[in-house]
Amino acid sequence: MQLDDLYRQVIMDHYQHPRNQGQLADDAIAVDLRNPSCGDEIRLQLLVEDGVVKDVRFRGSGCSISMASASMMTDAIKGKSIPEALQLAQTFREMVKGEPADLDQLGELESLQGVSKFPARIKCATLAWQALERAAEASGADGEAKA
């Protein structure tokens, strides 16, 4: 089996069987984003306690790249501090833009590396990550929700 085939299987698995899909309680930080160029939509909810992502859920519709990226991201950030999650977002963004990136910390997110060959799909792959960055901003410097 080729590495590209394995990556394709990982992406399709997350697209067809998304992890952490659903909704959290009303006290979670929620961010809604839409990619106007293709119509992908996401609602990301974070539950942050003591500066750590305690739980995360998403709902949305879009292409396989967008939804698989959201599913993989939610798996990757759960249990991480906000700064750790934001560092992961930066590394992911570097990877999909084809820039040098520390792939060791990405785990199965590395399966989206091929997106860098298709500039129009970068927005699809990074939509959930943009929602994460906005949610982190809304959480405040100490990681707790702003009043």
N, C-alpha and C. Protein backbone atom coordinates (compact mmCIF):
# COMPACT_ATOMS: atom_id res chain seq x y z
N MET A 1 0.85 -1.19 0.00
CA MET A 1 0.00 0.00 0.00
C MET A 1 0.89 1.25 0.00
N GLN A 2 0.59 2.18 -0.86
CA GLN A 2 1.32 3.43 -0.95
C GLN A 2 0.94 4.34 0.21
N LEU A 3 1.87 5.24 0.58
CA LEU A 3 1.60 6.18 1.66
C LEU A 3 0.41 7.08 1.33
N ASP A 4 0.31 7.51 0.06
CA ASP A 4 -0.83 8.35 -0.35
C ASP A 4 -2.16 7.61 -0.16
N ASP A 5 -2.15 6.31 -0.43
CA ASP A 5 -3.38 5.52 -0.23
C ASP A 5 -3.75 5.45 1.24
N LEU A 6 -2.76 5.29 2.09
CA LEU A 6 -3.00 5.26 3.53
C LEU A 6 -3.56 6.60 4.00
N TYR A 7 -2.95 7.68 3.55
CA TYR A 7 -3.44 9.02 3.91
C TYR A 7 -4.88 9.21 3.45
N ARG A 8 -5.17 8.77 2.23
CA ARG A 8 -6.53 8.90 1.70
C ARG A 8 -7.52 8.13 2.58
N GLN A 9 -7.11 6.94 3.04
CA GLN A 9 -7.98 6.14 3.91
C GLN A 9 -8.24 6.85 5.24
N VAL A 10 -7.21 7.46 5.82
CA VAL A 10 -7.36 8.19 7.08
C VAL A 10 -8.33 9.35 6.90
N ILE A 11 -8.16 10.10 5.82
CA ILE A 11 -9.04 11.25 5.54
C ILE A 11 -10.48 10.78 5.37
N MET A 12 -10.69 9.73 4.58
CA MET A 12 -12.05 9.26 4.35
C MET A 12 -12.68 8.68 5.63
N ASP A 13 -11.88 8.04 6.46
CA ASP A 13 -12.40 7.52 7.72
C ASP A 13 -12.91 8.66 8.60
N HIS A 14 -12.13 9.73 8.71
CA HIS A 14 -12.57 10.88 9.52
C HIS A 14 -13.76 11.60 8.89
N TYR A 15 -13.83 11.60 7.57
CA TYR A 15 -14.96 12.24 6.89
C TYR A 15 -16.24 11.42 7.09
N GLN A 16 -16.14 10.11 6.93
CA GLN A 16 -17.32 9.26 7.02
C GLN A 16 -17.73 8.94 8.46
N HIS A 17 -16.75 8.98 9.37
CA HIS A 17 -17.00 8.67 10.79
C HIS A 17 -16.33 9.75 11.65
N PRO A 18 -16.86 10.97 11.59
CA PRO A 18 -16.19 12.08 12.30
C PRO A 18 -16.18 11.88 13.81
N ARG A 19 -15.05 12.24 14.40
CA ARG A 19 -14.90 12.19 15.85
C ARG A 19 -15.34 13.52 16.44
N ASN A 20 -15.88 13.48 17.63
CA ASN A 20 -16.25 14.68 18.39
C ASN A 20 -17.25 15.55 17.66
N GLN A 21 -18.13 14.93 16.89
CA GLN A 21 -19.17 15.68 16.21
C GLN A 21 -20.35 15.80 17.17
N GLY A 22 -20.95 16.96 17.23
CA GLY A 22 -22.08 17.17 18.11
C GLY A 22 -22.06 18.54 18.73
N GLN A 23 -22.67 18.64 19.88
CA GLN A 23 -22.84 19.94 20.52
C GLN A 23 -22.55 19.83 22.01
N LEU A 24 -21.94 20.89 22.55
CA LEU A 24 -21.67 20.98 23.99
C LEU A 24 -22.72 21.86 24.64
N ALA A 25 -22.68 21.93 25.95
CA ALA A 25 -23.61 22.77 26.72
C ALA A 25 -23.42 24.24 26.35
N ASP A 26 -24.38 25.04 26.75
CA ASP A 26 -24.40 26.46 26.40
C ASP A 26 -23.21 27.25 26.94
N ASP A 27 -22.54 26.76 27.99
CA ASP A 27 -21.43 27.52 28.56
C ASP A 27 -20.12 27.35 27.78
N ALA A 28 -20.14 26.54 26.73
CA ALA A 28 -18.94 26.35 25.90
C ALA A 28 -18.75 27.56 24.98
N ILE A 29 -17.51 27.82 24.64
CA ILE A 29 -17.19 28.87 23.67
C ILE A 29 -17.57 28.33 22.30
N ALA A 30 -18.30 29.12 21.53
CA ALA A 30 -18.76 28.69 20.21
C ALA A 30 -18.31 29.68 19.15
N VAL A 31 -17.84 29.14 18.04
CA VAL A 31 -17.43 29.96 16.89
C VAL A 31 -18.05 29.34 15.64
N ASP A 32 -18.69 30.19 14.85
CA ASP A 32 -19.26 29.76 13.57
C ASP A 32 -18.45 30.41 12.45
N LEU A 33 -17.99 29.59 11.50
CA LEU A 33 -17.25 30.11 10.35
C LEU A 33 -17.77 29.47 9.08
N ARG A 34 -17.59 30.21 7.99
CA ARG A 34 -18.00 29.73 6.67
C ARG A 34 -16.92 30.11 5.67
N ASN A 35 -16.62 29.20 4.78
CA ASN A 35 -15.69 29.47 3.69
C ASN A 35 -16.54 29.88 2.49
N PRO A 36 -16.58 31.18 2.16
CA PRO A 36 -17.46 31.63 1.09
C PRO A 36 -17.07 31.10 -0.30
N SER A 37 -15.83 30.71 -0.47
CA SER A 37 -15.41 30.26 -1.81
C SER A 37 -15.95 28.87 -2.15
N CYS A 38 -16.22 28.04 -1.14
CA CYS A 38 -16.71 26.69 -1.45
C CYS A 38 -17.97 26.32 -0.68
N GLY A 39 -18.33 27.09 0.33
CA GLY A 39 -19.55 26.81 1.09
C GLY A 39 -19.37 25.95 2.33
N ASP A 40 -18.13 25.55 2.65
CA ASP A 40 -17.90 24.79 3.88
C ASP A 40 -18.33 25.63 5.08
N GLU A 41 -18.97 24.97 6.05
CA GLU A 41 -19.41 25.65 7.27
C GLU A 41 -19.03 24.82 8.48
N ILE A 42 -18.71 25.51 9.56
CA ILE A 42 -18.39 24.80 10.80
C ILE A 42 -18.84 25.61 12.00
N ARG A 43 -19.29 24.90 13.01
CA ARG A 43 -19.55 25.46 14.34
C ARG A 43 -18.65 24.66 15.27
N LEU A 44 -17.70 25.34 15.87
CA LEU A 44 -16.76 24.71 16.80
C LEU A 44 -17.10 25.16 18.21
N GLN A 45 -17.15 24.23 19.13
CA GLN A 45 -17.40 24.54 20.53
C GLN A 45 -16.26 23.98 21.37
N LEU A 46 -15.74 24.83 22.25
CA LEU A 46 -14.68 24.43 23.17
C LEU A 46 -15.15 24.59 24.60
N LEU A 47 -14.82 23.63 25.42
CA LEU A 47 -15.01 23.75 26.85
C LEU A 47 -13.61 23.84 27.43
N VAL A 48 -13.27 25.03 27.95
CA VAL A 48 -11.93 25.28 28.47
C VAL A 48 -12.01 25.43 29.98
N GLU A 49 -11.18 24.65 30.68
CA GLU A 49 -11.09 24.74 32.15
C GLU A 49 -9.63 24.86 32.53
N ASP A 50 -9.32 25.86 33.31
CA ASP A 50 -7.94 26.09 33.76
C ASP A 50 -6.96 26.15 32.60
N GLY A 51 -7.42 26.76 31.49
CA GLY A 51 -6.55 26.95 30.34
C GLY A 51 -6.33 25.71 29.49
N VAL A 52 -7.10 24.64 29.76
CA VAL A 52 -6.95 23.38 29.03
C VAL A 52 -8.25 23.07 28.29
N VAL A 53 -8.13 22.55 27.07
CA VAL A 53 -9.30 22.14 26.29
C VAL A 53 -9.83 20.85 26.91
N LYS A 54 -10.86 21.00 27.70
CA LYS A 54 -11.45 19.85 28.41
C LYS A 54 -12.30 19.01 27.46
N ASP A 55 -13.02 19.69 26.57
CA ASP A 55 -13.85 18.99 25.58
C ASP A 55 -14.00 19.89 24.36
N VAL A 56 -14.28 19.28 23.24
CA VAL A 56 -14.44 20.01 21.99
C VAL A 56 -15.41 19.23 21.10
N ARG A 57 -16.26 19.96 20.42
CA ARG A 57 -17.23 19.37 19.49
C ARG A 57 -17.33 20.29 18.27
N PHE A 58 -17.74 19.67 17.17
CA PHE A 58 -18.00 20.47 15.98
C PHE A 58 -19.22 19.93 15.26
N ARG A 59 -19.83 20.83 14.51
CA ARG A 59 -20.92 20.49 13.60
C ARG A 59 -20.64 21.26 12.33
N GLY A 60 -20.98 20.69 11.22
CA GLY A 60 -20.76 21.42 9.99
C GLY A 60 -21.09 20.61 8.78
N SER A 61 -20.86 21.26 7.65
CA SER A 61 -21.04 20.60 6.37
C SER A 61 -19.96 21.12 5.44
N GLY A 62 -19.53 20.25 4.57
CA GLY A 62 -18.51 20.66 3.63
C GLY A 62 -17.83 19.47 2.99
N CYS A 63 -16.76 19.76 2.33
CA CYS A 63 -16.02 18.73 1.60
C CYS A 63 -15.30 17.79 2.57
N SER A 64 -14.79 16.70 2.02
CA SER A 64 -14.11 15.70 2.84
C SER A 64 -12.88 16.28 3.54
N ILE A 65 -12.16 17.16 2.88
CA ILE A 65 -10.96 17.76 3.48
C ILE A 65 -11.34 18.60 4.69
N SER A 66 -12.35 19.43 4.54
CA SER A 66 -12.77 20.32 5.62
C SER A 66 -13.27 19.55 6.84
N MET A 67 -14.13 18.57 6.61
CA MET A 67 -14.73 17.83 7.72
C MET A 67 -13.72 16.87 8.36
N ALA A 68 -12.86 16.24 7.55
CA ALA A 68 -11.83 15.36 8.11
C ALA A 68 -10.84 16.16 8.93
N SER A 69 -10.48 17.34 8.46
CA SER A 69 -9.55 18.20 9.20
C SER A 69 -10.16 18.58 10.55
N ALA A 70 -11.44 18.92 10.56
CA ALA A 70 -12.12 19.27 11.82
C ALA A 70 -12.12 18.08 12.78
N SER A 71 -12.43 16.91 12.27
CA SER A 71 -12.46 15.71 13.10
C SER A 71 -11.08 15.42 13.69
N MET A 72 -10.06 15.46 12.86
CA MET A 72 -8.70 15.18 13.34
C MET A 72 -8.24 16.24 14.33
N MET A 73 -8.60 17.50 14.06
CA MET A 73 -8.20 18.59 14.95
C MET A 73 -8.80 18.39 16.34
N THR A 74 -10.09 18.03 16.40
CA THR A 74 -10.72 17.88 17.71
C THR A 74 -10.05 16.77 18.51
N ASP A 75 -9.68 15.69 17.83
CA ASP A 75 -8.94 14.62 18.52
C ASP A 75 -7.60 15.13 19.03
N ALA A 76 -6.92 15.92 18.21
CA ALA A 76 -5.56 16.36 18.52
C ALA A 76 -5.48 17.37 19.66
N ILE A 77 -6.51 18.22 19.80
CA ILE A 77 -6.40 19.32 20.79
C ILE A 77 -7.02 18.98 22.14
N LYS A 78 -7.83 17.94 22.20
CA LYS A 78 -8.48 17.61 23.47
C LYS A 78 -7.41 17.27 24.51
N GLY A 79 -7.47 17.96 25.65
CA GLY A 79 -6.50 17.74 26.72
C GLY A 79 -5.27 18.63 26.64
N LYS A 80 -5.17 19.40 25.58
CA LYS A 80 -4.01 20.31 25.43
C LYS A 80 -4.35 21.67 26.02
N SER A 81 -3.30 22.37 26.45
CA SER A 81 -3.50 23.75 26.89
C SER A 81 -3.79 24.61 25.66
N ILE A 82 -4.36 25.78 25.88
CA ILE A 82 -4.64 26.68 24.76
C ILE A 82 -3.35 27.00 24.00
N PRO A 83 -2.24 27.36 24.67
CA PRO A 83 -1.00 27.62 23.92
C PRO A 83 -0.52 26.40 23.12
N GLU A 84 -0.67 25.20 23.66
CA GLU A 84 -0.28 23.99 22.93
C GLU A 84 -1.16 23.79 21.70
N ALA A 85 -2.45 24.02 21.86
CA ALA A 85 -3.38 23.88 20.73
C ALA A 85 -3.07 24.90 19.64
N LEU A 86 -2.74 26.12 20.05
CA LEU A 86 -2.41 27.16 19.07
C LEU A 86 -1.09 26.86 18.37
N GLN A 87 -0.14 26.28 19.08
CA GLN A 87 1.12 25.88 18.44
C GLN A 87 0.86 24.78 17.41
N LEU A 88 -0.02 23.85 17.74
CA LEU A 88 -0.39 22.81 16.80
C LEU A 88 -1.06 23.41 15.56
N ALA A 89 -1.90 24.41 15.77
CA ALA A 89 -2.56 25.10 14.66
C ALA A 89 -1.52 25.75 13.74
N GLN A 90 -0.52 26.37 14.33
CA GLN A 90 0.54 27.01 13.55
C GLN A 90 1.31 25.98 12.74
N THR A 91 1.66 24.87 13.36
CA THR A 91 2.40 23.81 12.67
C THR A 91 1.57 23.23 11.53
N PHE A 92 0.27 23.03 11.79
CA PHE A 92 -0.62 22.50 10.76
C PHE A 92 -0.70 23.47 9.58
N ARG A 93 -0.86 24.75 9.87
CA ARG A 93 -0.95 25.76 8.82
C ARG A 93 0.33 25.76 7.97
N GLU A 94 1.49 25.68 8.62
CA GLU A 94 2.76 25.63 7.89
C GLU A 94 2.80 24.42 6.97
N MET A 95 2.35 23.28 7.47
CA MET A 95 2.37 22.06 6.67
C MET A 95 1.51 22.18 5.42
N VAL A 96 0.25 22.63 5.59
CA VAL A 96 -0.64 22.67 4.43
C VAL A 96 -0.27 23.77 3.45
N LYS A 97 0.52 24.72 3.88
CA LYS A 97 1.02 25.75 2.96
C LYS A 97 2.32 25.32 2.29
N GLY A 98 2.81 24.12 2.65
CA GLY A 98 4.02 23.62 2.04
C GLY A 98 5.29 24.19 2.64
N GLU A 99 5.17 24.83 3.79
CA GLU A 99 6.32 25.40 4.48
C GLU A 99 6.95 24.34 5.38
N PRO A 100 8.21 24.52 5.76
CA PRO A 100 8.82 23.56 6.69
C PRO A 100 8.02 23.50 8.00
N ALA A 101 7.74 22.29 8.45
CA ALA A 101 6.95 22.11 9.67
C ALA A 101 7.44 20.87 10.41
N ASP A 102 7.29 20.89 11.73
CA ASP A 102 7.65 19.75 12.57
C ASP A 102 6.51 18.72 12.51
N LEU A 103 6.61 17.80 11.57
CA LEU A 103 5.53 16.85 11.34
C LEU A 103 5.36 15.85 12.47
N ASP A 104 6.38 15.66 13.29
CA ASP A 104 6.31 14.68 14.37
C ASP A 104 5.18 14.97 15.34
N GLN A 105 4.87 16.25 15.55
CA GLN A 105 3.83 16.58 16.52
C GLN A 105 2.41 16.51 15.95
N LEU A 106 2.29 16.26 14.64
CA LEU A 106 0.97 16.29 14.00
C LEU A 106 0.22 14.96 14.03
N GLY A 107 0.92 13.85 14.20
CA GLY A 107 0.22 12.57 14.18
C GLY A 107 -0.51 12.36 12.88
N GLU A 108 -1.77 11.88 12.95
CA GLU A 108 -2.49 11.58 11.72
C GLU A 108 -2.88 12.83 10.93
N LEU A 109 -2.73 14.00 11.52
CA LEU A 109 -2.96 15.24 10.76
C LEU A 109 -2.00 15.33 9.58
N GLU A 110 -0.89 14.63 9.67
CA GLU A 110 0.07 14.62 8.57
C GLU A 110 -0.56 14.09 7.28
N SER A 111 -1.64 13.33 7.40
CA SER A 111 -2.31 12.79 6.22
C SER A 111 -2.88 13.88 5.33
N LEU A 112 -3.01 15.09 5.85
CA LEU A 112 -3.51 16.22 5.06
C LEU A 112 -2.39 17.02 4.40
N GLN A 113 -1.18 16.52 4.46
CA GLN A 113 -0.03 17.21 3.89
C GLN A 113 -0.19 17.45 2.39
N GLY A 114 -0.84 16.54 1.68
CA GLY A 114 -1.04 16.67 0.24
C GLY A 114 -1.86 17.88 -0.17
N VAL A 115 -2.58 18.47 0.77
CA VAL A 115 -3.38 19.67 0.49
C VAL A 115 -2.49 20.80 -0.04
N SER A 116 -1.23 20.79 0.37
CA SER A 116 -0.31 21.87 -0.05
C SER A 116 -0.16 21.92 -1.56
N LYS A 117 -0.46 20.83 -2.24
CA LYS A 117 -0.36 20.80 -3.71
C LYS A 117 -1.57 21.42 -4.40
N PHE A 118 -2.59 21.73 -3.61
CA PHE A 118 -3.84 22.27 -4.15
C PHE A 118 -4.23 23.53 -3.39
N PRO A 119 -3.67 24.68 -3.79
CA PRO A 119 -3.89 25.93 -3.03
C PRO A 119 -5.36 26.25 -2.74
N ALA A 120 -6.26 25.89 -3.63
CA ALA A 120 -7.68 26.18 -3.40
C ALA A 120 -8.24 25.39 -2.23
N ARG A 121 -7.60 24.27 -1.87
CA ARG A 121 -8.10 23.43 -0.78
C ARG A 121 -7.53 23.80 0.58
N ILE A 122 -6.54 24.69 0.61
CA ILE A 122 -5.93 25.09 1.88
C ILE A 122 -6.99 25.72 2.80
N LYS A 123 -7.87 26.53 2.23
CA LYS A 123 -8.93 27.14 3.05
C LYS A 123 -9.86 26.08 3.63
N CYS A 124 -10.09 25.02 2.88
CA CYS A 124 -10.92 23.92 3.37
C CYS A 124 -10.26 23.27 4.58
N ALA A 125 -8.98 22.98 4.44
CA ALA A 125 -8.26 22.27 5.49
C ALA A 125 -8.07 23.11 6.74
N THR A 126 -8.02 24.42 6.60
CA THR A 126 -7.73 25.29 7.75
C THR A 126 -8.97 25.94 8.38
N LEU A 127 -10.15 25.68 7.86
CA LEU A 127 -11.35 26.33 8.40
C LEU A 127 -11.55 26.02 9.88
N ALA A 128 -11.47 24.76 10.26
CA ALA A 128 -11.65 24.40 11.68
C ALA A 128 -10.56 25.02 12.54
N TRP A 129 -9.35 25.11 12.01
CA TRP A 129 -8.22 25.68 12.75
C TRP A 129 -8.41 27.18 12.96
N GLN A 130 -9.00 27.84 11.97
CA GLN A 130 -9.33 29.27 12.14
C GLN A 130 -10.37 29.44 13.24
N ALA A 131 -11.34 28.53 13.28
CA ALA A 131 -12.36 28.58 14.34
C ALA A 131 -11.70 28.35 15.70
N LEU A 132 -10.74 27.44 15.76
CA LEU A 132 -10.00 27.21 17.01
C LEU A 132 -9.29 28.47 17.46
N GLU A 133 -8.62 29.15 16.54
CA GLU A 133 -7.89 30.37 16.89
C GLU A 133 -8.83 31.44 17.43
N ARG A 134 -10.01 31.57 16.82
CA ARG A 134 -10.99 32.55 17.31
C ARG A 134 -11.55 32.14 18.67
N ALA A 135 -11.78 30.86 18.86
CA ALA A 135 -12.28 30.38 20.15
C ALA A 135 -11.24 30.60 21.23
N ALA A 136 -9.97 30.37 20.91
CA ALA A 136 -8.89 30.58 21.88
C ALA A 136 -8.81 32.05 22.26
N GLU A 137 -8.98 32.92 21.28
CA GLU A 137 -8.99 34.36 21.55
C GLU A 137 -10.15 34.73 22.48
N ALA A 138 -11.30 34.13 22.24
CA ALA A 138 -12.48 34.40 23.07
C ALA A 138 -12.31 33.85 24.49
N SER A 139 -11.42 32.85 24.66
CA SER A 139 -11.25 32.25 25.97
C SER A 139 -10.47 33.16 26.91
N GLY A 140 -9.76 34.14 26.37
CA GLY A 140 -8.98 35.05 27.20
C GLY A 140 -7.59 34.53 27.47
N ALA A 141 -6.74 35.38 27.99
CA ALA A 141 -5.34 35.04 28.20
C ALA A 141 -5.14 33.89 29.17
N ASP A 142 -6.03 33.73 30.14
CA ASP A 142 -5.87 32.67 31.12
C ASP A 142 -6.57 31.38 30.71
N GLY A 143 -7.19 31.39 29.50
CA GLY A 143 -7.84 30.19 29.01
C GLY A 143 -9.26 30.02 29.46
N GLU A 144 -9.79 30.95 30.24
CA GLU A 144 -11.17 30.88 30.69
C GLU A 144 -12.03 31.81 29.83
N ALA A 145 -13.28 31.50 29.70
CA ALA A 145 -14.18 32.31 28.89
C ALA A 145 -14.29 33.72 29.48
N LYS A 146 -14.32 34.68 28.55
CA LYS A 146 -14.49 36.08 28.97
C LYS A 146 -15.96 36.31 29.32
N ALA A 147 -16.18 37.19 30.28
CA ALA A 147 -17.55 37.48 30.70
C ALA A 147 -18.22 38.42 29.74
